[in-house]
All heavy atoms as atom14 arrays in JSON, in Angstrom:
{
  "sequence": "IKIAPFLSYREIVQLARNQFQNAGRRFMERTISLGLGERPSRRWGF",
  "atom14_mask": [
    [1, 1, 1, 1, 1, 1, 1, 1, 0, 0, 0, 0, 0, 0],
    [1, 1, 1, 1, 1, 1, 1, 1, 1, 0, 0, 0, 0, 0],
    [1, 1, 1, 1, 1, 1, 1, 1, 0, 0, 0, 0, 0, 0],
    [1, 1, 1, 1, 1, 0, 0, 0, 0, 0, 0, 0, 0, 0],
    [1, 1, 1, 1, 1, 1, 1, 0, 0, 0, 0, 0, 0, 0],
    [1, 1, 1, 1, 1, 1, 1, 1, 1, 1, 1, 0, 0, 0],
    [1, 1, 1, 1, 1, 1, 1, 1, 0, 0, 0, 0, 0, 0],
    [1, 1, 1, 1, 1, 1, 0, 0, 0, 0, 0, 0, 0, 0],
    [1, 1, 1, 1, 1, 1, 1, 1, 1, 1, 1, 1, 0, 0],
    [1, 1, 1, 1, 1, 1, 1, 1, 1, 1, 1, 0, 0, 0],
    [1, 1, 1, 1, 1, 1, 1, 1, 1, 0, 0, 0, 0, 0],
    [1, 1, 1, 1, 1, 1, 1, 1, 0, 0, 0, 0, 0, 0],
    [1, 1, 1, 1, 1, 1, 1, 0, 0, 0, 0, 0, 0, 0],
    [1, 1, 1, 1, 1, 1, 1, 1, 1, 0, 0, 0, 0, 0],
    [1, 1, 1, 1, 1, 1, 1, 1, 0, 0, 0, 0, 0, 0],
    [1, 1, 1, 1, 1, 0, 0, 0, 0, 0, 0, 0, 0, 0],
    [1, 1, 1, 1, 1, 1, 1, 1, 1, 1, 1, 0, 0, 0],
    [1, 1, 1, 1, 1, 1, 1, 1, 0, 0, 0, 0, 0, 0],
    [1, 1, 1, 1, 1, 1, 1, 1, 1, 0, 0, 0, 0, 0],
    [1, 1, 1, 1, 1, 1, 1, 1, 1, 1, 1, 0, 0, 0],
    [1, 1, 1, 1, 1, 1, 1, 1, 1, 0, 0, 0, 0, 0],
    [1, 1, 1, 1, 1, 1, 1, 1, 0, 0, 0, 0, 0, 0],
    [1, 1, 1, 1, 1, 0, 0, 0, 0, 0, 0, 0, 0, 0],
    [1, 1, 1, 1, 0, 0, 0, 0, 0, 0, 0, 0, 0, 0],
    [1, 1, 1, 1, 1, 1, 1, 1, 1, 1, 1, 0, 0, 0],
    [1, 1, 1, 1, 1, 1, 1, 1, 1, 1, 1, 0, 0, 0],
    [1, 1, 1, 1, 1, 1, 1, 1, 1, 1, 1, 0, 0, 0],
    [1, 1, 1, 1, 1, 1, 1, 1, 0, 0, 0, 0, 0, 0],
    [1, 1, 1, 1, 1, 1, 1, 1, 1, 0, 0, 0, 0, 0],
    [1, 1, 1, 1, 1, 1, 1, 1, 1, 1, 1, 0, 0, 0],
    [1, 1, 1, 1, 1, 1, 1, 0, 0, 0, 0, 0, 0, 0],
    [1, 1, 1, 1, 1, 1, 1, 1, 0, 0, 0, 0, 0, 0],
    [1, 1, 1, 1, 1, 1, 0, 0, 0, 0, 0, 0, 0, 0],
    [1, 1, 1, 1, 1, 1, 1, 1, 0, 0, 0, 0, 0, 0],
    [1, 1, 1, 1, 0, 0, 0, 0, 0, 0, 0, 0, 0, 0],
    [1, 1, 1, 1, 1, 1, 1, 1, 0, 0, 0, 0, 0, 0],
    [1, 1, 1, 1, 0, 0, 0, 0, 0, 0, 0, 0, 0, 0],
    [1, 1, 1, 1, 1, 1, 1, 1, 1, 0, 0, 0, 0, 0],
    [1, 1, 1, 1, 1, 1, 1, 1, 1, 1, 1, 0, 0, 0],
    [1, 1, 1, 1, 1, 1, 1, 0, 0, 0, 0, 0, 0, 0],
    [1, 1, 1, 1, 1, 1, 0, 0, 0, 0, 0, 0, 0, 0],
    [1, 1, 1, 1, 1, 1, 1, 1, 1, 1, 1, 0, 0, 0],
    [1, 1, 1, 1, 1, 1, 1, 1, 1, 1, 1, 0, 0, 0],
    [1, 1, 1, 1, 1, 1, 1, 1, 1, 1, 1, 1, 1, 1],
    [1, 1, 1, 1, 0, 0, 0, 0, 0, 0, 0, 0, 0, 0],
    [1, 1, 1, 1, 1, 1, 1, 1, 1, 1, 1, 0, 0, 0]
  ],
  "atom14_positions": [
    [[125.7, -16.26, 84.85], [124.61, -16.41, 85.76], [123.47, -17.04, 84.9], [122.66, -17.9, 85.54], [124.15, -15.05, 86.24], [125.19, -14.59, 87.48], [122.83, -15.09, 86.91], [124.98, -13.16, 87.88], [0.0, 0.0, 0.0], [0.0, 0.0, 0.0], [0.0, 0.0, 0.0], [0.0, 0.0, 0.0], [0.0, 0.0, 0.0], [0.0, 0.0, 0.0]],
    [[123.31, -16.68, 83.71], [122.25, -17.25, 82.88], [122.38, -18.71, 82.65], [121.47, -19.49, 82.54], [122.25, -16.52, 81.54], [121.61, -15.12, 81.57], [121.78, -14.55, 80.08], [121.18, -13.14, 80.22], [121.19, -12.46, 78.74], [0.0, 0.0, 0.0], [0.0, 0.0, 0.0], [0.0, 0.0, 0.0], [0.0, 0.0, 0.0], [0.0, 0.0, 0.0]],
    [[123.72, -19.18, 82.59], [123.98, -20.55, 82.34], [123.85, -21.38, 83.62], [123.27, -22.51, 83.66], [125.39, -20.64, 81.84], [125.59, -20.07, 80.4], [125.83, -22.13, 81.75], [126.89, -20.11, 79.85], [0.0, 0.0, 0.0], [0.0, 0.0, 0.0], [0.0, 0.0, 0.0], [0.0, 0.0, 0.0], [0.0, 0.0, 0.0], [0.0, 0.0, 0.0]],
    [[124.31, -20.83, 84.72], [124.28, -21.61, 85.96], [123.88, -20.72, 87.12], [124.64, -20.34, 87.99], [125.63, -22.25, 86.22], [0.0, 0.0, 0.0], [0.0, 0.0, 0.0], [0.0, 0.0, 0.0], [0.0, 0.0, 0.0], [0.0, 0.0, 0.0], [0.0, 0.0, 0.0], [0.0, 0.0, 0.0], [0.0, 0.0, 0.0], [0.0, 0.0, 0.0]],
    [[122.54, -20.32, 87.2], [122.05, -19.4, 88.31], [122.15, -20.01, 89.71], [121.94, -19.33, 90.64], [120.62, -19.12, 87.92], [120.19, -20.36, 86.93], [121.47, -20.75, 86.27], [0.0, 0.0, 0.0], [0.0, 0.0, 0.0], [0.0, 0.0, 0.0], [0.0, 0.0, 0.0], [0.0, 0.0, 0.0], [0.0, 0.0, 0.0], [0.0, 0.0, 0.0]],
    [[122.35, -21.32, 89.74], [122.27, -22.0, 91.04], [123.62, -21.97, 91.79], [123.75, -22.36, 92.94], [121.99, -23.53, 90.83], [122.71, -24.16, 89.74], [123.92, -24.72, 89.9], [122.16, -24.28, 88.41], [124.63, -25.32, 88.91], [122.93, -24.8, 87.41], [124.06, -25.3, 87.54], [0.0, 0.0, 0.0], [0.0, 0.0, 0.0], [0.0, 0.0, 0.0]],
    [[124.71, -21.44, 91.1], [125.95, -21.37, 91.7], [126.01, -20.25, 92.67], [125.34, -19.25, 92.59], [127.14, -21.29, 90.63], [127.26, -22.44, 89.65], [128.3, -22.16, 88.66], [127.65, -23.82, 90.44], [0.0, 0.0, 0.0], [0.0, 0.0, 0.0], [0.0, 0.0, 0.0], [0.0, 0.0, 0.0], [0.0, 0.0, 0.0], [0.0, 0.0, 0.0]],
    [[127.0, -20.29, 93.61], [127.25, -19.19, 94.5], [127.93, -18.08, 93.68], [128.59, -18.4, 92.61], [128.25, -19.6, 95.69], [129.5, -19.88, 95.14], [0.0, 0.0, 0.0], [0.0, 0.0, 0.0], [0.0, 0.0, 0.0], [0.0, 0.0, 0.0], [0.0, 0.0, 0.0], [0.0, 0.0, 0.0], [0.0, 0.0, 0.0], [0.0, 0.0, 0.0]],
    [[128.05, -16.89, 94.29], [128.57, -15.74, 93.49], [130.08, -16.03, 93.28], [130.56, -15.77, 92.15], [128.46, -14.43, 94.26], [128.99, -13.29, 93.46], [128.42, -12.76, 92.39], [130.28, -12.81, 93.84], [128.9, -11.7, 91.62], [130.68, -11.69, 93.12], [130.09, -11.18, 91.98], [130.64, -10.12, 91.29], [0.0, 0.0, 0.0], [0.0, 0.0, 0.0]],
    [[130.73, -16.58, 94.17], [132.1, -16.94, 93.97], [132.35, -17.91, 92.84], [133.29, -17.75, 92.06], [132.77, -17.47, 95.32], [134.24, -17.87, 95.28], [134.72, -18.26, 96.65], [136.17, -18.53, 96.54], [136.88, -18.94, 97.59], [136.25, -19.12, 98.76], [138.17, -19.15, 97.44], [0.0, 0.0, 0.0], [0.0, 0.0, 0.0], [0.0, 0.0, 0.0]],
    [[131.48, -18.89, 92.82], [131.67, -19.86, 91.75], [131.24, -19.3, 90.34], [131.81, -19.67, 89.42], [130.64, -21.1, 92.11], [131.11, -21.89, 93.25], [130.0, -22.87, 93.66], [128.78, -22.64, 93.57], [130.48, -23.96, 94.14], [0.0, 0.0, 0.0], [0.0, 0.0, 0.0], [0.0, 0.0, 0.0], [0.0, 0.0, 0.0], [0.0, 0.0, 0.0]],
    [[130.22, -18.27, 90.49], [129.89, -17.71, 89.13], [131.09, -16.91, 88.69], [131.33, -16.93, 87.33], [128.75, -16.72, 89.34], [127.33, -17.56, 89.59], [128.58, -15.68, 88.38], [126.84, -18.16, 88.27], [0.0, 0.0, 0.0], [0.0, 0.0, 0.0], [0.0, 0.0, 0.0], [0.0, 0.0, 0.0], [0.0, 0.0, 0.0], [0.0, 0.0, 0.0]],
    [[131.77, -16.19, 89.54], [132.95, -15.33, 89.08], [133.97, -16.31, 88.42], [134.53, -15.99, 87.4], [133.42, -14.5, 90.17], [134.79, -13.83, 89.74], [132.45, -13.57, 90.64], [0.0, 0.0, 0.0], [0.0, 0.0, 0.0], [0.0, 0.0, 0.0], [0.0, 0.0, 0.0], [0.0, 0.0, 0.0], [0.0, 0.0, 0.0], [0.0, 0.0, 0.0]],
    [[134.29, -17.44, 89.11], [135.25, -18.2, 88.58], [134.86, -18.96, 87.29], [135.66, -19.08, 86.42], [135.5, -19.47, 89.65], [136.63, -20.33, 89.25], [137.91, -19.6, 89.2], [138.28, -18.84, 90.01], [138.64, -19.87, 88.12], [0.0, 0.0, 0.0], [0.0, 0.0, 0.0], [0.0, 0.0, 0.0], [0.0, 0.0, 0.0], [0.0, 0.0, 0.0]],
    [[133.62, -19.26, 87.24], [133.02, -19.74, 85.92], [133.13, -18.68, 84.8], [133.6, -19.03, 83.66], [131.63, -20.17, 86.06], [130.93, -20.7, 84.76], [131.51, -21.9, 84.12], [129.35, -20.9, 84.93], [0.0, 0.0, 0.0], [0.0, 0.0, 0.0], [0.0, 0.0, 0.0], [0.0, 0.0, 0.0], [0.0, 0.0, 0.0], [0.0, 0.0, 0.0]],
    [[132.76, -17.41, 85.1], [132.87, -16.36, 84.18], [134.37, -16.2, 83.69], [134.63, -15.95, 82.48], [132.3, -15.14, 84.74], [0.0, 0.0, 0.0], [0.0, 0.0, 0.0], [0.0, 0.0, 0.0], [0.0, 0.0, 0.0], [0.0, 0.0, 0.0], [0.0, 0.0, 0.0], [0.0, 0.0, 0.0], [0.0, 0.0, 0.0], [0.0, 0.0, 0.0]],
    [[135.27, -16.2, 84.74], [136.77, -16.02, 84.29], [137.15, -17.18, 83.41], [137.83, -16.85, 82.39], [137.46, -16.14, 85.74], [139.1, -16.17, 85.44], [139.73, -16.49, 86.66], [139.58, -15.59, 87.74], [140.49, -14.53, 87.98], [141.56, -14.47, 87.25], [140.27, -13.71, 88.99], [0.0, 0.0, 0.0], [0.0, 0.0, 0.0], [0.0, 0.0, 0.0]],
    [[136.85, -18.46, 83.7], [137.29, -19.54, 82.85], [136.62, -19.4, 81.45], [137.37, -19.54, 80.41], [136.92, -20.84, 83.43], [137.72, -21.08, 84.8], [138.74, -20.47, 84.95], [137.21, -21.91, 85.6], [0.0, 0.0, 0.0], [0.0, 0.0, 0.0], [0.0, 0.0, 0.0], [0.0, 0.0, 0.0], [0.0, 0.0, 0.0], [0.0, 0.0, 0.0]],
    [[135.35, -19.09, 81.43], [134.74, -19.01, 80.08], [135.46, -17.89, 79.26], [135.63, -18.12, 78.07], [133.18, -18.78, 80.24], [132.46, -19.96, 80.86], [130.92, -19.67, 80.93], [130.62, -18.41, 81.26], [130.18, -20.65, 80.78], [0.0, 0.0, 0.0], [0.0, 0.0, 0.0], [0.0, 0.0, 0.0], [0.0, 0.0, 0.0], [0.0, 0.0, 0.0]],
    [[135.58, -16.7, 79.93], [136.15, -15.57, 79.14], [137.6, -15.9, 78.67], [137.8, -15.68, 77.51], [136.19, -14.36, 80.0], [136.82, -13.19, 79.39], [136.2, -12.32, 78.45], [138.25, -12.91, 79.75], [136.86, -11.27, 77.97], [138.92, -11.91, 79.12], [138.17, -11.04, 78.19], [0.0, 0.0, 0.0], [0.0, 0.0, 0.0], [0.0, 0.0, 0.0]],
    [[138.32, -16.47, 79.48], [139.81, -16.7, 79.2], [139.84, -17.76, 78.14], [140.68, -17.68, 77.19], [140.65, -16.94, 80.39], [140.87, -15.78, 81.39], [141.85, -15.96, 82.32], [142.33, -14.98, 82.86], [142.19, -17.26, 82.73], [0.0, 0.0, 0.0], [0.0, 0.0, 0.0], [0.0, 0.0, 0.0], [0.0, 0.0, 0.0], [0.0, 0.0, 0.0]],
    [[139.08, -18.82, 78.2], [139.1, -19.89, 77.32], [138.62, -19.5, 75.87], [139.28, -19.77, 74.88], [138.3, -21.12, 77.77], [138.92, -21.77, 78.99], [140.07, -21.65, 79.21], [138.04, -22.53, 79.73], [0.0, 0.0, 0.0], [0.0, 0.0, 0.0], [0.0, 0.0, 0.0], [0.0, 0.0, 0.0], [0.0, 0.0, 0.0], [0.0, 0.0, 0.0]],
    [[137.54, -18.74, 75.88], [137.01, -18.22, 74.63], [137.89, -17.22, 73.96], [138.13, -17.16, 72.74], [135.63, -17.71, 74.82], [0.0, 0.0, 0.0], [0.0, 0.0, 0.0], [0.0, 0.0, 0.0], [0.0, 0.0, 0.0], [0.0, 0.0, 0.0], [0.0, 0.0, 0.0], [0.0, 0.0, 0.0], [0.0, 0.0, 0.0], [0.0, 0.0, 0.0]],
    [[138.53, -16.24, 74.8], [139.35, -15.28, 74.33], [140.63, -15.86, 73.73], [141.15, -15.54, 72.66], [0.0, 0.0, 0.0], [0.0, 0.0, 0.0], [0.0, 0.0, 0.0], [0.0, 0.0, 0.0], [0.0, 0.0, 0.0], [0.0, 0.0, 0.0], [0.0, 0.0, 0.0], [0.0, 0.0, 0.0], [0.0, 0.0, 0.0], [0.0, 0.0, 0.0]],
    [[141.16, -16.95, 74.43], [142.31, -17.6, 73.91], [141.98, -18.34, 72.49], [142.78, -18.33, 71.55], [142.75, -18.65, 74.94], [143.83, -19.66, 74.4], [144.33, -20.57, 75.49], [145.24, -21.5, 74.85], [145.98, -22.38, 75.6], [145.92, -22.41, 76.96], [146.85, -23.17, 75.04], [0.0, 0.0, 0.0], [0.0, 0.0, 0.0], [0.0, 0.0, 0.0]],
    [[140.84, -18.9, 72.52], [140.34, -19.62, 71.19], [140.35, -18.6, 70.04], [140.84, -18.89, 68.94], [139.1, -20.36, 71.32], [139.21, -21.7, 72.1], [137.93, -22.47, 71.88], [136.75, -21.82, 72.31], [136.22, -21.82, 73.62], [136.82, -22.62, 74.46], [135.16, -21.29, 73.98], [0.0, 0.0, 0.0], [0.0, 0.0, 0.0], [0.0, 0.0, 0.0]],
    [[139.75, -17.46, 70.3], [139.74, -16.44, 69.11], [141.04, -15.99, 68.8], [141.32, -15.88, 67.48], [138.93, -15.2, 69.69], [137.4, -15.32, 69.26], [136.47, -15.78, 69.97], [137.05, -14.59, 68.05], [135.17, -15.89, 69.54], [135.8, -14.61, 67.59], [134.79, -15.19, 68.31], [0.0, 0.0, 0.0], [0.0, 0.0, 0.0], [0.0, 0.0, 0.0]],
    [[141.88, -15.75, 69.61], [143.27, -15.35, 69.34], [144.17, -16.45, 68.68], [144.73, -16.17, 67.69], [143.96, -14.66, 70.57], [143.29, -13.41, 71.12], [144.02, -12.71, 72.48], [145.51, -11.93, 71.73], [0.0, 0.0, 0.0], [0.0, 0.0, 0.0], [0.0, 0.0, 0.0], [0.0, 0.0, 0.0], [0.0, 0.0, 0.0], [0.0, 0.0, 0.0]],
    [[144.04, -17.64, 69.39], [144.83, -18.79, 68.78], [144.5, -19.08, 67.4], [145.33, -19.3, 66.47], [144.68, -19.96, 69.75], [145.58, -20.04, 70.83], [145.32, -21.37, 71.6], [144.27, -21.9, 71.62], [146.4, -21.83, 72.21], [0.0, 0.0, 0.0], [0.0, 0.0, 0.0], [0.0, 0.0, 0.0], [0.0, 0.0, 0.0], [0.0, 0.0, 0.0]],
    [[143.13, -19.22, 67.22], [142.69, -19.81, 65.96], [142.9, -18.75, 64.92], [143.07, -19.01, 63.76], [141.06, -20.18, 66.08], [140.92, -21.29, 67.01], [141.3, -22.63, 66.35], [140.65, -22.96, 65.11], [139.43, -23.45, 65.06], [138.73, -23.85, 66.18], [138.87, -23.77, 63.85], [0.0, 0.0, 0.0], [0.0, 0.0, 0.0], [0.0, 0.0, 0.0]],
    [[142.72, -17.43, 65.23], [142.93, -16.35, 64.21], [144.43, -16.36, 63.71], [144.65, -16.32, 62.49], [142.45, -15.02, 64.75], [141.07, -15.08, 65.24], [142.58, -13.96, 63.75], [0.0, 0.0, 0.0], [0.0, 0.0, 0.0], [0.0, 0.0, 0.0], [0.0, 0.0, 0.0], [0.0, 0.0, 0.0], [0.0, 0.0, 0.0], [0.0, 0.0, 0.0]],
    [[145.32, -16.33, 64.71], [146.75, -16.2, 64.17], [147.19, -17.45, 63.58], [148.06, -17.4, 62.59], [147.6, -15.83, 65.38], [148.91, -15.22, 64.89], [147.81, -16.97, 66.41], [149.87, -14.62, 65.95], [0.0, 0.0, 0.0], [0.0, 0.0, 0.0], [0.0, 0.0, 0.0], [0.0, 0.0, 0.0], [0.0, 0.0, 0.0], [0.0, 0.0, 0.0]],
    [[146.63, -18.55, 64.03], [146.96, -19.88, 63.31], [146.43, -19.91, 61.95], [147.1, -20.32, 60.94], [146.34, -21.03, 64.06], [146.99, -21.19, 65.4], [0.0, 0.0, 0.0], [0.0, 0.0, 0.0], [0.0, 0.0, 0.0], [0.0, 0.0, 0.0], [0.0, 0.0, 0.0], [0.0, 0.0, 0.0], [0.0, 0.0, 0.0], [0.0, 0.0, 0.0]],
    [[145.32, -19.25, 61.7], [144.66, -19.21, 60.25], [145.58, -18.33, 59.51], [145.85, -18.65, 58.3], [143.28, -18.53, 60.45], [142.61, -18.19, 59.03], [142.26, -19.45, 58.35], [141.28, -17.28, 59.32], [0.0, 0.0, 0.0], [0.0, 0.0, 0.0], [0.0, 0.0, 0.0], [0.0, 0.0, 0.0], [0.0, 0.0, 0.0], [0.0, 0.0, 0.0]],
    [[146.01, -17.24, 60.01], [146.91, -16.33, 59.25], [148.19, -17.02, 58.82], [148.63, -16.87, 57.71], [0.0, 0.0, 0.0], [0.0, 0.0, 0.0], [0.0, 0.0, 0.0], [0.0, 0.0, 0.0], [0.0, 0.0, 0.0], [0.0, 0.0, 0.0], [0.0, 0.0, 0.0], [0.0, 0.0, 0.0], [0.0, 0.0, 0.0], [0.0, 0.0, 0.0]],
    [[148.87, -17.72, 59.81], [150.12, -18.37, 59.49], [149.86, -19.51, 58.48], [150.73, -19.74, 57.57], [150.61, -19.03, 60.75], [151.2, -18.07, 61.78], [151.38, -18.61, 63.04], [152.56, -17.55, 61.19], [0.0, 0.0, 0.0], [0.0, 0.0, 0.0], [0.0, 0.0, 0.0], [0.0, 0.0, 0.0], [0.0, 0.0, 0.0], [0.0, 0.0, 0.0]],
    [[148.68, -20.18, 58.58], [148.43, -21.24, 57.53], [148.24, -20.63, 56.19], [148.58, -21.26, 55.1], [0.0, 0.0, 0.0], [0.0, 0.0, 0.0], [0.0, 0.0, 0.0], [0.0, 0.0, 0.0], [0.0, 0.0, 0.0], [0.0, 0.0, 0.0], [0.0, 0.0, 0.0], [0.0, 0.0, 0.0], [0.0, 0.0, 0.0], [0.0, 0.0, 0.0]],
    [[147.34, -19.66, 56.16], [147.14, -19.01, 54.87], [148.19, -18.28, 54.17], [148.48, -18.23, 53.03], [145.95, -17.99, 55.0], [144.54, -18.63, 55.33], [144.0, -19.45, 54.19], [143.95, -18.88, 53.11], [143.69, -20.61, 54.34], [0.0, 0.0, 0.0], [0.0, 0.0, 0.0], [0.0, 0.0, 0.0], [0.0, 0.0, 0.0], [0.0, 0.0, 0.0]],
    [[149.07, -17.57, 55.05], [150.17, -16.72, 54.42], [151.36, -17.03, 55.36], [151.84, -16.15, 56.17], [149.77, -15.24, 54.39], [148.68, -14.97, 53.51], [148.91, -15.21, 52.07], [147.86, -14.85, 51.2], [146.82, -15.6, 50.77], [146.85, -16.89, 51.18], [145.83, -15.13, 50.07], [0.0, 0.0, 0.0], [0.0, 0.0, 0.0], [0.0, 0.0, 0.0]],
    [[152.08, -18.14, 55.24], [153.18, -18.42, 56.03], [154.44, -17.51, 55.72], [155.3, -17.52, 56.68], [153.49, -19.91, 55.66], [152.82, -20.1, 54.33], [151.61, -19.29, 54.35], [0.0, 0.0, 0.0], [0.0, 0.0, 0.0], [0.0, 0.0, 0.0], [0.0, 0.0, 0.0], [0.0, 0.0, 0.0], [0.0, 0.0, 0.0], [0.0, 0.0, 0.0]],
    [[154.42, -16.88, 54.57], [155.53, -15.96, 54.3], [155.47, -14.65, 55.21], [156.61, -14.12, 55.28], [155.59, -15.58, 52.9], [154.46, -14.8, 52.52], [0.0, 0.0, 0.0], [0.0, 0.0, 0.0], [0.0, 0.0, 0.0], [0.0, 0.0, 0.0], [0.0, 0.0, 0.0], [0.0, 0.0, 0.0], [0.0, 0.0, 0.0], [0.0, 0.0, 0.0]],
    [[154.36, -14.44, 55.81], [154.28, -13.29, 56.63], [154.67, -13.66, 58.13], [154.4, -14.74, 58.52], [152.83, -12.69, 56.59], [152.43, -12.21, 55.21], [153.37, -10.89, 54.94], [153.32, -10.63, 53.47], [152.82, -9.45, 53.1], [152.36, -8.49, 53.94], [152.88, -9.09, 51.76], [0.0, 0.0, 0.0], [0.0, 0.0, 0.0], [0.0, 0.0, 0.0]],
    [[155.12, -12.67, 58.73], [155.43, -12.73, 60.31], [154.2, -12.21, 60.93], [154.01, -10.95, 60.95], [156.73, -12.16, 60.56], [157.88, -12.89, 59.87], [159.25, -12.54, 60.26], [160.17, -13.34, 59.58], [161.5, -13.13, 59.53], [161.95, -12.02, 60.05], [162.25, -13.96, 58.87], [0.0, 0.0, 0.0], [0.0, 0.0, 0.0], [0.0, 0.0, 0.0]],
    [[153.44, -12.97, 61.67], [152.26, -12.64, 62.31], [152.31, -12.4, 63.85], [153.17, -13.17, 64.57], [151.27, -13.8, 62.14], [150.7, -13.86, 60.74], [151.31, -14.63, 59.71], [149.51, -13.37, 60.25], [150.57, -14.47, 58.6], [149.4, -13.74, 58.91], [148.38, -12.71, 60.85], [148.27, -13.51, 58.1], [147.39, -12.41, 60.02], [147.25, -12.79, 58.75]],
    [[151.63, -11.39, 64.35], [151.62, -11.15, 65.83], [150.57, -10.21, 66.11], [149.98, -9.58, 65.19], [0.0, 0.0, 0.0], [0.0, 0.0, 0.0], [0.0, 0.0, 0.0], [0.0, 0.0, 0.0], [0.0, 0.0, 0.0], [0.0, 0.0, 0.0], [0.0, 0.0, 0.0], [0.0, 0.0, 0.0], [0.0, 0.0, 0.0], [0.0, 0.0, 0.0]],
    [[150.25, -10.01, 67.42], [149.28, -9.05, 67.86], [150.0, -7.75, 68.31], [151.02, -7.8, 69.07], [148.54, -9.62, 69.04], [147.43, -10.63, 68.59], [147.75, -12.02, 68.43], [146.17, -10.32, 68.32], [146.86, -12.93, 67.97], [145.16, -11.2, 67.93], [145.55, -12.53, 67.8], [0.0, 0.0, 0.0], [0.0, 0.0, 0.0], [0.0, 0.0, 0.0]]
  ]
}
């Protein structure tokens, strides 16, 4: 809502969903990729 207050509520929810999932994915992807890159001898997972 702070980013795009002009959108409808339905559009706001969709925007929030996309932002959350994309950012969450980046945190998890980049973190485990970092681990694998730094210590490839370890088997990494969540």
